[in-house]
Amino acid sequence: MSPSAHGPRRARVAFSDSAAEQLAKLGVMETLALDRAIVALSIDPELGTPIPDSVLRDYQDEDGVRLLYFLSALRSVVVVAYLEV
Protein backbone atom coordinates (compact mmCIF):
# COMPACT_ATOMS: atom_id res chain seq x y z
CA MET A 1 0.00 0.00 0.00
CA SER A 2 1.41 3.39 -0.94
CA PRO A 3 2.02 6.08 1.71
CA SER A 4 -0.58 8.34 0.09
CA ALA A 5 -3.27 5.70 0.74
CA HIS A 6 -2.99 6.50 4.44
CA GLY A 7 -3.61 10.21 3.97
CA PRO A 8 -1.25 13.15 4.31
CA ARG A 9 1.85 12.88 6.43
CA ARG A 10 1.55 14.45 9.87
CA ALA A 11 3.95 17.03 11.21
CA ARG A 12 6.08 16.03 14.18
CA VAL A 13 5.38 18.00 17.37
CA ALA A 14 8.17 19.09 19.73
CA PHE A 15 8.11 21.23 22.87
CA SER A 16 10.42 24.05 23.93
CA ASP A 17 11.96 23.67 27.39
CA SER A 18 9.43 26.04 28.96
CA ALA A 19 6.47 24.31 27.28
CA ALA A 20 7.80 20.93 28.47
CA GLU A 21 7.88 22.28 32.03
CA GLN A 22 4.28 23.46 31.66
CA LEU A 23 3.31 20.05 30.26
CA ALA A 24 4.81 18.26 33.26
CA LYS A 25 2.47 20.17 35.59
CA LEU A 26 -0.77 19.22 33.81
CA GLY A 27 -3.34 16.82 35.18
CA VAL A 28 -5.00 13.98 33.28
CA MET A 29 -7.97 15.98 31.95
CA GLU A 30 -5.77 18.84 30.79
CA THR A 31 -3.42 16.40 29.10
CA LEU A 32 -6.33 14.81 27.20
CA ALA A 33 -7.51 18.23 25.99
CA LEU A 34 -3.96 19.10 24.98
CA ASP A 35 -3.59 15.81 23.08
CA ARG A 36 -6.60 16.67 20.90
CA ALA A 37 -5.13 20.10 20.08
CA ILE A 38 -1.73 18.60 19.25
CA VAL A 39 -3.28 16.02 16.92
CA ALA A 40 -5.17 18.81 15.13
CA LEU A 41 -1.94 20.78 14.63
CA SER A 42 -0.01 17.72 13.50
CA ILE A 43 -2.61 17.15 10.78
CA ASP A 44 -2.84 20.81 9.74
CA PRO A 45 0.06 22.88 11.14
CA GLU A 46 -1.32 26.10 9.71
CA LEU A 47 -4.54 26.04 11.77
CA GLY A 48 -3.29 28.77 14.08
CA THR A 49 -3.44 32.47 13.37
CA PRO A 50 -0.11 34.16 12.55
CA ILE A 51 1.01 36.67 15.16
CA PRO A 52 2.03 39.90 13.40
CA ASP A 53 5.77 40.68 13.31
CA SER A 54 6.60 37.22 14.66
CA VAL A 55 7.23 33.68 13.47
CA LEU A 56 4.75 32.46 16.08
CA ARG A 57 1.23 31.24 15.43
CA ASP A 58 -1.63 31.22 17.97
CA TYR A 59 -4.00 28.24 18.08
CA GLN A 60 -7.03 28.08 20.38
CA ASP A 61 -9.65 25.36 20.46
CA GLU A 62 -13.12 24.96 21.96
CA ASP A 63 -11.74 23.04 24.97
CA GLY A 64 -9.84 26.10 26.17
CA VAL A 65 -6.44 24.95 24.96
CA ARG A 66 -4.14 27.67 23.64
CA LEU A 67 -0.83 26.95 21.95
CA LEU A 68 1.78 29.41 20.73
CA TYR A 69 3.99 27.63 18.24
CA PHE A 70 6.18 27.99 15.19
CA LEU A 71 6.79 25.77 12.19
CA SER A 72 10.04 24.46 10.79
CA ALA A 73 11.11 25.69 7.36
CA LEU A 74 9.60 22.65 5.64
CA ARG A 75 6.50 22.73 7.86
CA SER A 76 7.25 19.18 8.98
CA VAL A 77 7.87 20.08 12.66
CA VAL A 78 5.58 22.07 14.96
CA VAL A 79 7.50 23.52 17.93
CA VAL A 80 5.22 24.44 20.83
CA ALA A 81 6.69 27.44 22.64
CA TYR A 82 3.88 28.05 25.16
CA LEU A 83 0.68 26.31 26.20
CA GLU A 84 -2.40 27.03 28.30
CA VAL A 85 -5.04 24.53 29.30
PDB file of N, CA and C in Angstrom:
ATOM      1  N   MET A   1       0.842  -1.165   0.000  1.00  0.00           N
ATOM      2  CA  MET A   1       0.000   0.000   0.000  1.00  0.00           C
ATOM      3  C   MET A   1       0.896   1.238   0.000  1.00  0.00           C
ATOM      4  N   SER A   2       0.586   2.191  -0.840  1.00  0.00           N
ATOM      5  CA  SER A   2       1.414   3.390  -0.944  1.00  0.00           C
ATOM      6  C   SER A   2       1.176   4.314   0.249  1.00  0.00           C
ATOM      7  N   PRO A   3       2.179   5.147   0.592  1.00  0.00           N
ATOM      8  CA  PRO A   3       2.016   6.076   1.713  1.00  0.00           C
ATOM      9  C   PRO A   3       0.837   7.025   1.541  1.00  0.00           C
ATOM     10  N   SER A   4       0.527   7.414   0.301  1.00  0.00           N
ATOM     11  CA  SER A   4      -0.579   8.343   0.089  1.00  0.00           C
ATOM     12  C   SER A   4      -1.931   7.697   0.381  1.00  0.00           C
ATOM     13  N   ALA A   5      -2.017   6.379   0.427  1.00  0.00           N
ATOM     14  CA  ALA A   5      -3.266   5.701   0.736  1.00  0.00           C
ATOM     15  C   ALA A   5      -3.665   5.903   2.192  1.00  0.00           C
ATOM     16  N   HIS A   6      -2.716   6.266   3.026  1.00  0.00           N
ATOM     17  CA  HIS A   6      -2.992   6.497   4.442  1.00  0.00           C
ATOM     18  C   HIS A   6      -3.331   7.952   4.733  1.00  0.00           C
ATOM     19  N   GLY A   7      -3.339   8.800   3.755  1.00  0.00           N
ATOM     20  CA  GLY A   7      -3.606  10.214   3.965  1.00  0.00           C
ATOM     21  C   GLY A   7      -2.313  11.001   4.045  1.00  0.00           C
ATOM     22  N   PRO A   8      -2.443  12.296   4.268  1.00  0.00           N
ATOM     23  CA  PRO A   8      -1.255  13.145   4.305  1.00  0.00           C
ATOM     24  C   PRO A   8      -0.376  12.835   5.510  1.00  0.00           C
ATOM     25  N   ARG A   9       0.890  13.100   5.342  1.00  0.00           N
ATOM     26  CA  ARG A   9       1.853  12.884   6.426  1.00  0.00           C
ATOM     27  C   ARG A   9       1.655  13.941   7.513  1.00  0.00           C
ATOM     28  N   ARG A  10       1.708  13.530   8.755  1.00  0.00           N
ATOM     29  CA  ARG A  10       1.549  14.449   9.873  1.00  0.00           C
ATOM     30  C   ARG A  10       2.874  15.106  10.222  1.00  0.00           C
ATOM     31  N   ALA A  11       2.764  16.326  10.716  1.00  0.00           N
ATOM     32  CA  ALA A  11       3.953  17.026  11.205  1.00  0.00           C
ATOM     33  C   ALA A  11       4.330  16.446  12.566  1.00  0.00           C
ATOM     34  N   ARG A  12       5.604  16.448  12.857  1.00  0.00           N
ATOM     35  CA  ARG A  12       6.077  16.030  14.178  1.00  0.00           C
ATOM     36  C   ARG A  12       5.913  17.211  15.128  1.00  0.00           C
ATOM     37  N   VAL A  13       5.568  16.942  16.382  1.00  0.00           N
ATOM     38  CA  VAL A  13       5.383  18.003  17.372  1.00  0.00           C
ATOM     39  C   VAL A  13       6.474  17.894  18.422  1.00  0.00           C
ATOM     40  N   ALA A  14       7.118  19.020  18.709  1.00  0.00           N
ATOM     41  CA  ALA A  14       8.166  19.093  19.730  1.00  0.00           C
ATOM     42  C   ALA A  14       7.814  20.238  20.678  1.00  0.00           C
ATOM     43  N   PHE A  15       8.388  20.210  21.866  1.00  0.00           N
ATOM     44  CA  PHE A  15       8.113  21.231  22.867  1.00  0.00           C
ATOM     45  C   PHE A  15       9.396  21.964  23.233  1.00  0.00           C
ATOM     46  N   SER A  16       9.285  23.284  23.400  1.00  0.00           N
ATOM     47  CA  SER A  16      10.416  24.046  23.929  1.00  0.00           C
ATOM     48  C   SER A  16      10.597  23.630  25.385  1.00  0.00           C
ATOM     49  N   ASP A  17      11.717  24.012  25.980  1.00  0.00           N
ATOM     50  CA  ASP A  17      11.960  23.666  27.385  1.00  0.00           C
ATOM     51  C   ASP A  17      10.867  24.208  28.299  1.00  0.00           C
ATOM     52  N   SER A  18      10.460  25.453  28.093  1.00  0.00           N
ATOM     53  CA  SER A  18       9.433  26.041  28.959  1.00  0.00           C
ATOM     54  C   SER A  18       8.072  25.373  28.759  1.00  0.00           C
ATOM     55  N   ALA A  19       7.733  25.014  27.526  1.00  0.00           N
ATOM     56  CA  ALA A  19       6.473  24.310  27.277  1.00  0.00           C
ATOM     57  C   ALA A  19       6.513  22.911  27.887  1.00  0.00           C
ATOM     58  N   ALA A  20       7.671  22.258  27.856  1.00  0.00           N
ATOM     59  CA  ALA A  20       7.800  20.929  28.467  1.00  0.00           C
ATOM     60  C   ALA A  20       7.608  21.012  29.981  1.00  0.00           C
ATOM     61  N   GLU A  21       8.093  22.079  30.596  1.00  0.00           N
ATOM     62  CA  GLU A  21       7.876  22.281  32.028  1.00  0.00           C
ATOM     63  C   GLU A  21       6.396  22.481  32.330  1.00  0.00           C
ATOM     64  N   GLN A  22       5.710  23.259  31.491  1.00  0.00           N
ATOM     65  CA  GLN A  22       4.280  23.457  31.663  1.00  0.00           C
ATOM     66  C   GLN A  22       3.540  22.134  31.504  1.00  0.00           C
ATOM     67  N   LEU A  23       3.935  21.350  30.529  1.00  0.00           N
ATOM     68  CA  LEU A  23       3.311  20.054  30.256  1.00  0.00           C
ATOM     69  C   LEU A  23       3.436  19.118  31.451  1.00  0.00           C
ATOM     70  N   ALA A  24       4.573  19.140  32.117  1.00  0.00           N
ATOM     71  CA  ALA A  24       4.812  18.258  33.258  1.00  0.00           C
ATOM     72  C   ALA A  24       3.881  18.565  34.429  1.00  0.00           C
ATOM     73  N   LYS A  25       3.339  19.764  34.489  1.00  0.00           N
ATOM     74  CA  LYS A  25       2.473  20.175  35.593  1.00  0.00           C
ATOM     75  C   LYS A  25       0.987  19.918  35.337  1.00  0.00           C
ATOM     76  N   LEU A  26       0.641  19.418  34.151  1.00  0.00           N
ATOM     77  CA  LEU A  26      -0.766  19.219  33.807  1.00  0.00           C
ATOM     78  C   LEU A  26      -1.331  17.946  34.428  1.00  0.00           C
ATOM     79  N   GLY A  27      -2.627  17.994  34.705  1.00  0.00           N
ATOM     80  CA  GLY A  27      -3.337  16.820  35.177  1.00  0.00           C
ATOM     81  C   GLY A  27      -3.836  15.988  34.003  1.00  0.00           C
ATOM     82  N   VAL A  28      -4.535  14.908  34.310  1.00  0.00           N
ATOM     83  CA  VAL A  28      -5.004  13.976  33.279  1.00  0.00           C
ATOM     84  C   VAL A  28      -5.986  14.642  32.310  1.00  0.00           C
ATOM     85  N   MET A  29      -6.962  15.365  32.818  1.00  0.00           N
ATOM     86  CA  MET A  29      -7.967  15.982  31.948  1.00  0.00           C
ATOM     87  C   MET A  29      -7.349  17.053  31.047  1.00  0.00           C
ATOM     88  N   GLU A  30      -6.441  17.825  31.607  1.00  0.00           N
ATOM     89  CA  GLU A  30      -5.773  18.845  30.794  1.00  0.00           C
ATOM     90  C   GLU A  30      -4.906  18.207  29.717  1.00  0.00           C
ATOM     91  N   THR A  31      -4.265  17.097  30.066  1.00  0.00           N
ATOM     92  CA  THR A  31      -3.423  16.397  29.097  1.00  0.00           C
ATOM     93  C   THR A  31      -4.260  15.839  27.943  1.00  0.00           C
ATOM     94  N   LEU A  32      -5.448  15.321  28.253  1.00  0.00           N
ATOM     95  CA  LEU A  32      -6.326  14.809  27.199  1.00  0.00           C
ATOM     96  C   LEU A  32      -6.766  15.931  26.260  1.00  0.00           C
ATOM     97  N   ALA A  33      -7.116  17.085  26.823  1.00  0.00           N
ATOM     98  CA  ALA A  33      -7.507  18.226  25.995  1.00  0.00           C
ATOM     99  C   ALA A  33      -6.334  18.686  25.130  1.00  0.00           C
ATOM    100  N   LEU A  34      -5.148  18.710  25.721  1.00  0.00           N
ATOM    101  CA  LEU A  34      -3.957  19.101  24.978  1.00  0.00           C
ATOM    102  C   LEU A  34      -3.653  18.116  23.850  1.00  0.00           C
ATOM    103  N   ASP A  35      -3.826  16.835  24.116  1.00  0.00           N
ATOM    104  CA  ASP A  35      -3.593  15.815  23.082  1.00  0.00           C
ATOM    105  C   ASP A  35      -4.442  16.065  21.848  1.00  0.00           C
ATOM    106  N   ARG A  36      -5.717  16.409  22.048  1.00  0.00           N
ATOM    107  CA  ARG A  36      -6.598  16.672  20.902  1.00  0.00           C
ATOM    108  C   ARG A  36      -6.097  17.859  20.087  1.00  0.00           C
ATOM    109  N   ALA A  37      -5.639  18.913  20.777  1.00  0.00           N
ATOM    110  CA  ALA A  37      -5.130  20.097  20.079  1.00  0.00           C
ATOM    111  C   ALA A  37      -3.851  19.763  19.310  1.00  0.00           C
ATOM    112  N   ILE A  38      -2.990  18.960  19.907  1.00  0.00           N
ATOM    113  CA  ILE A  38      -1.728  18.600  19.255  1.00  0.00           C
ATOM    114  C   ILE A  38      -1.987  17.742  18.017  1.00  0.00           C
ATOM    115  N   VAL A  39      -2.939  16.831  18.092  1.00  0.00           N
ATOM    116  CA  VAL A  39      -3.277  16.020  16.921  1.00  0.00           C
ATOM    117  C   VAL A  39      -3.788  16.916  15.802  1.00  0.00           C
ATOM    118  N   ALA A  40      -4.647  17.885  16.143  1.00  0.00           N
ATOM    119  CA  ALA A  40      -5.171  18.807  15.130  1.00  0.00           C
ATOM    120  C   ALA A  40      -4.039  19.568  14.445  1.00  0.00           C
ATOM    121  N   LEU A  41      -3.072  20.050  15.227  1.00  0.00           N
ATOM    122  CA  LEU A  41      -1.944  20.776  14.634  1.00  0.00           C
ATOM    123  C   LEU A  41      -1.020  19.874  13.838  1.00  0.00           C
ATOM    124  N   SER A  42      -0.880  18.618  14.254  1.00  0.00           N
ATOM    125  CA  SER A  42      -0.011  17.719  13.497  1.00  0.00           C
ATOM    126  C   SER A  42      -0.611  17.405  12.131  1.00  0.00           C
ATOM    127  N   ILE A  43      -1.929  17.405  12.057  1.00  0.00           N
ATOM    128  CA  ILE A  43      -2.605  17.147  10.780  1.00  0.00           C
ATOM    129  C   ILE A  43      -2.579  18.388   9.893  1.00  0.00           C
ATOM    130  N   ASP A  44      -2.831  19.556  10.489  1.00  0.00           N
ATOM    131  CA  ASP A  44      -2.843  20.812   9.737  1.00  0.00           C
ATOM    132  C   ASP A  44      -2.079  21.883  10.526  1.00  0.00           C
ATOM    133  N   PRO A  45      -0.754  21.958  10.357  1.00  0.00           N
ATOM    134  CA  PRO A  45       0.062  22.877  11.144  1.00  0.00           C
ATOM    135  C   PRO A  45      -0.271  24.359  10.965  1.00  0.00           C
ATOM    136  N   GLU A  46      -1.021  24.692   9.949  1.00  0.00           N
ATOM    137  CA  GLU A  46      -1.322  26.104   9.712  1.00  0.00           C
ATOM    138  C   GLU A  46      -2.688  26.505  10.254  1.00  0.00           C
ATOM    139  N   LEU A  47      -3.250  25.709  11.164  1.00  0.00           N
ATOM    140  CA  LEU A  47      -4.541  26.037  11.767  1.00  0.00           C
ATOM    141  C   LEU A  47      -4.501  27.335  12.565  1.00  0.00           C
ATOM    142  N   GLY A  48      -3.406  27.591  13.226  1.00  0.00           N
ATOM    143  CA  GLY A  48      -3.294  28.771  14.075  1.00  0.00           C
ATOM    144  C   GLY A  48      -3.222  30.060  13.277  1.00  0.00           C
ATOM    145  N   THR A  49      -3.489  31.135  13.965  1.00  0.00           N
ATOM    146  CA  THR A  49      -3.443  32.468  13.375  1.00  0.00           C
ATOM    147  C   THR A  49      -2.035  33.039  13.517  1.00  0.00           C
ATOM    148  N   PRO A  50      -1.449  33.545  12.438  1.00  0.00           N
ATOM    149  CA  PRO A  50      -0.115  34.155  12.548  1.00  0.00           C
ATOM    150  C   PRO A  50      -0.149  35.373  13.472  1.00  0.00           C
ATOM    151  N   ILE A  51       0.865  35.508  14.295  1.00  0.00           N
ATOM    152  CA  ILE A  51       1.007  36.670  15.160  1.00  0.00           C
ATOM    153  C   ILE A  51       1.842  37.683  14.386  1.00  0.00           C
ATOM    154  N   PRO A  52       1.312  38.899  14.194  1.00  0.00           N
ATOM    155  CA  PRO A  52       2.033  39.899  13.402  1.00  0.00           C
ATOM    156  C   PRO A  52       3.452  40.157  13.926  1.00  0.00           C
ATOM    157  N   ASP A  53       4.364  40.378  13.005  1.00  0.00           N
ATOM    158  CA  ASP A  53       5.768  40.681  13.308  1.00  0.00           C
ATOM    159  C   ASP A  53       6.442  39.595  14.135  1.00  0.00           C
ATOM    160  N   SER A  54       6.053  38.347  13.911  1.00  0.00           N
ATOM    161  CA  SER A  54       6.602  37.222  14.661  1.00  0.00           C
ATOM    162  C   SER A  54       6.536  35.964  13.799  1.00  0.00           C
ATOM    163  N   VAL A  55       7.329  34.974  14.140  1.00  0.00           N
ATOM    164  CA  VAL A  55       7.233  33.680  13.466  1.00  0.00           C
ATOM    165  C   VAL A  55       6.212  32.786  14.163  1.00  0.00           C
ATOM    166  N   LEU A  56       5.688  33.262  15.291  1.00  0.00           N
ATOM    167  CA  LEU A  56       4.754  32.463  16.076  1.00  0.00           C
ATOM    168  C   LEU A  56       3.353  32.465  15.484  1.00  0.00           C
ATOM    169  N   ARG A  57       2.639  31.380  15.774  1.00  0.00           N
ATOM    170  CA  ARG A  57       1.230  31.244  15.433  1.00  0.00           C
ATOM    171  C   ARG A  57       0.478  30.975  16.728  1.00  0.00           C
ATOM    172  N   ASP A  58      -0.788  31.371  16.788  1.00  0.00           N
ATOM    173  CA  ASP A  58      -1.633  31.217  17.972  1.00  0.00           C
ATOM    174  C   ASP A  58      -2.800  30.304  17.614  1.00  0.00           C
ATOM    175  N   TYR A  59      -2.894  29.171  18.310  1.00  0.00           N
ATOM    176  CA  TYR A  59      -3.996  28.236  18.079  1.00  0.00           C
ATOM    177  C   TYR A  59      -4.802  28.111  19.365  1.00  0.00           C
ATOM    178  N   GLN A  60      -6.129  28.263  19.251  1.00  0.00           N
ATOM    179  CA  GLN A  60      -7.031  28.079  20.381  1.00  0.00           C
ATOM    180  C   GLN A  60      -8.170  27.182  19.941  1.00  0.00           C
ATOM    181  N   ASP A  61      -8.536  26.236  20.811  1.00  0.00           N
ATOM    182  CA  ASP A  61      -9.650  25.361  20.461  1.00  0.00           C
ATOM    183  C   ASP A  61     -10.814  25.541  21.426  1.00  0.00           C
ATOM    184  N   GLU A  62     -11.896  24.817  21.168  1.00  0.00           N
ATOM    185  CA  GLU A  62     -13.118  24.957  21.956  1.00  0.00           C
ATOM    186  C   GLU A  62     -12.992  24.379  23.368  1.00  0.00           C
ATOM    187  N   ASP A  63     -11.962  23.600  23.641  1.00  0.00           N
ATOM    188  CA  ASP A  63     -11.741  23.039  24.970  1.00  0.00           C
ATOM    189  C   ASP A  63     -10.943  23.973  25.881  1.00  0.00           C
ATOM    190  N   GLY A  64     -10.596  25.150  25.374  1.00  0.00           N
ATOM    191  CA  GLY A  64      -9.840  26.104  26.170  1.00  0.00           C
ATOM    192  C   GLY A  64      -8.336  25.933  26.087  1.00  0.00           C
ATOM    193  N   VAL A  65      -7.877  25.147  25.149  1.00  0.00           N
ATOM    194  CA  VAL A  65      -6.442  24.954  24.960  1.00  0.00           C
ATOM    195  C   VAL A  65      -5.919  26.068  24.057  1.00  0.00           C
ATOM    196  N   ARG A  66      -4.797  26.652  24.461  1.00  0.00           N
ATOM    197  CA  ARG A  66      -4.137  27.666  23.638  1.00  0.00           C
ATOM    198  C   ARG A  66      -2.681  27.277  23.483  1.00  0.00           C
ATOM    199  N   LEU A  67      -2.213  27.285  22.252  1.00  0.00           N
ATOM    200  CA  LEU A  67      -0.830  26.952  21.949  1.00  0.00           C
ATOM    201  C   LEU A  67      -0.204  28.080  21.128  1.00  0.00           C
ATOM    202  N   LEU A  68       0.964  28.518  21.542  1.00  0.00           N
ATOM    203  CA  LEU A  68       1.779  29.408  20.727  1.00  0.00           C
ATOM    204  C   LEU A  68       2.892  28.542  20.167  1.00  0.00           C
ATOM    205  N   TYR A  69       3.058  28.550  18.864  1.00  0.00           N
ATOM    206  CA  TYR A  69       3.994  27.631  18.236  1.00  0.00           C
ATOM    207  C   TYR A  69       4.572  28.247  16.978  1.00  0.00           C
ATOM    208  N   PHE A  70       5.630  27.609  16.493  1.00  0.00           N
ATOM    209  CA  PHE A  70       6.176  27.991  15.192  1.00  0.00           C
ATOM    210  C   PHE A  70       6.455  26.729  14.401  1.00  0.00           C
ATOM    211  N   LEU A  71       6.592  26.898  13.105  1.00  0.00           N
ATOM    212  CA  LEU A  71       6.794  25.773  12.192  1.00  0.00           C
ATOM    213  C   LEU A  71       8.217  25.762  11.669  1.00  0.00           C
ATOM    214  N   SER A  72       8.727  24.575  11.415  1.00  0.00           N
ATOM    215  CA  SER A  72      10.045  24.464  10.788  1.00  0.00           C
ATOM    216  C   SER A  72       9.940  24.949   9.343  1.00  0.00           C
ATOM    217  N   ALA A  73      11.069  25.149   8.726  1.00  0.00           N
ATOM    218  CA  ALA A  73      11.108  25.689   7.361  1.00  0.00           C
ATOM    219  C   ALA A  73      10.299  24.834   6.379  1.00  0.00           C
ATOM    220  N   LEU A  74      10.336  23.536   6.548  1.00  0.00           N
ATOM    221  CA  LEU A  74       9.604  22.652   5.637  1.00  0.00           C
ATOM    222  C   LEU A  74       8.208  22.310   6.152  1.00  0.00           C
ATOM    223  N   ARG A  75       7.815  22.936   7.251  1.00  0.00           N
ATOM    224  CA  ARG A  75       6.504  22.727   7.861  1.00  0.00           C
ATOM    225  C   ARG A  75       6.275  21.280   8.292  1.00  0.00           C
ATOM    226  N   SER A  76       7.359  20.581   8.568  1.00  0.00           N
ATOM    227  CA  SER A  76       7.253  19.184   8.983  1.00  0.00           C
ATOM    228  C   SER A  76       7.373  19.018  10.495  1.00  0.00           C
ATOM    229  N   VAL A  77       7.751  20.116  11.188  1.00  0.00           N
ATOM    230  CA  VAL A  77       7.866  20.078  12.657  1.00  0.00           C
ATOM    231  C   VAL A  77       7.136  21.291  13.230  1.00  0.00           C
ATOM    232  N   VAL A  78       6.272  21.026  14.208  1.00  0.00           N
ATOM    233  CA  VAL A  78       5.581  22.073  14.963  1.00  0.00           C
ATOM    234  C   VAL A  78       6.292  22.156  16.314  1.00  0.00           C
ATOM    235  N   VAL A  79       6.831  23.324  16.655  1.00  0.00           N
ATOM    236  CA  VAL A  79       7.501  23.520  17.931  1.00  0.00           C
ATOM    237  C   VAL A  79       6.606  24.363  18.833  1.00  0.00           C
ATOM    238  N   VAL A  80       6.096  23.751  19.893  1.00  0.00           N
ATOM    239  CA  VAL A  80       5.221  24.439  20.827  1.00  0.00           C
ATOM    240  C   VAL A  80       6.097  25.245  21.781  1.00  0.00           C
ATOM    241  N   ALA A  81       5.900  26.559  21.796  1.00  0.00           N
ATOM    242  CA  ALA A  81       6.693  27.439  22.644  1.00  0.00           C
ATOM    243  C   ALA A  81       5.998  27.723  23.962  1.00  0.00           C
ATOM    244  N   TYR A  82       4.644  27.708  23.969  1.00  0.00           N
ATOM    245  CA  TYR A  82       3.881  28.046  25.156  1.00  0.00           C
ATOM    246  C   TYR A  82       2.536  27.354  25.063  1.00  0.00           C
ATOM    247  N   LEU A  83       2.002  26.929  26.210  1.00  0.00           N
ATOM    248  CA  LEU A  83       0.678  26.308  26.200  1.00  0.00           C
ATOM    249  C   LEU A  83      -0.133  26.733  27.415  1.00  0.00           C
ATOM    250  N   GLU A  84      -1.441  26.782  27.227  1.00  0.00           N
ATOM    251  CA  GLU A  84      -2.401  27.035  28.300  1.00  0.00           C
ATOM    252  C   GLU A  84      -3.508  26.011  28.172  1.00  0.00           C
ATOM    253  N   VAL A  85      -3.918  25.473  29.312  1.00  0.00           N
ATOM    254  CA  VAL A  85      -5.045  24.529  29.302  1.00  0.00           C
ATOM    255  C   VAL A  85      -5.962  24.904  30.434  1.00  0.00           C
TER     256      VAL A  85
END
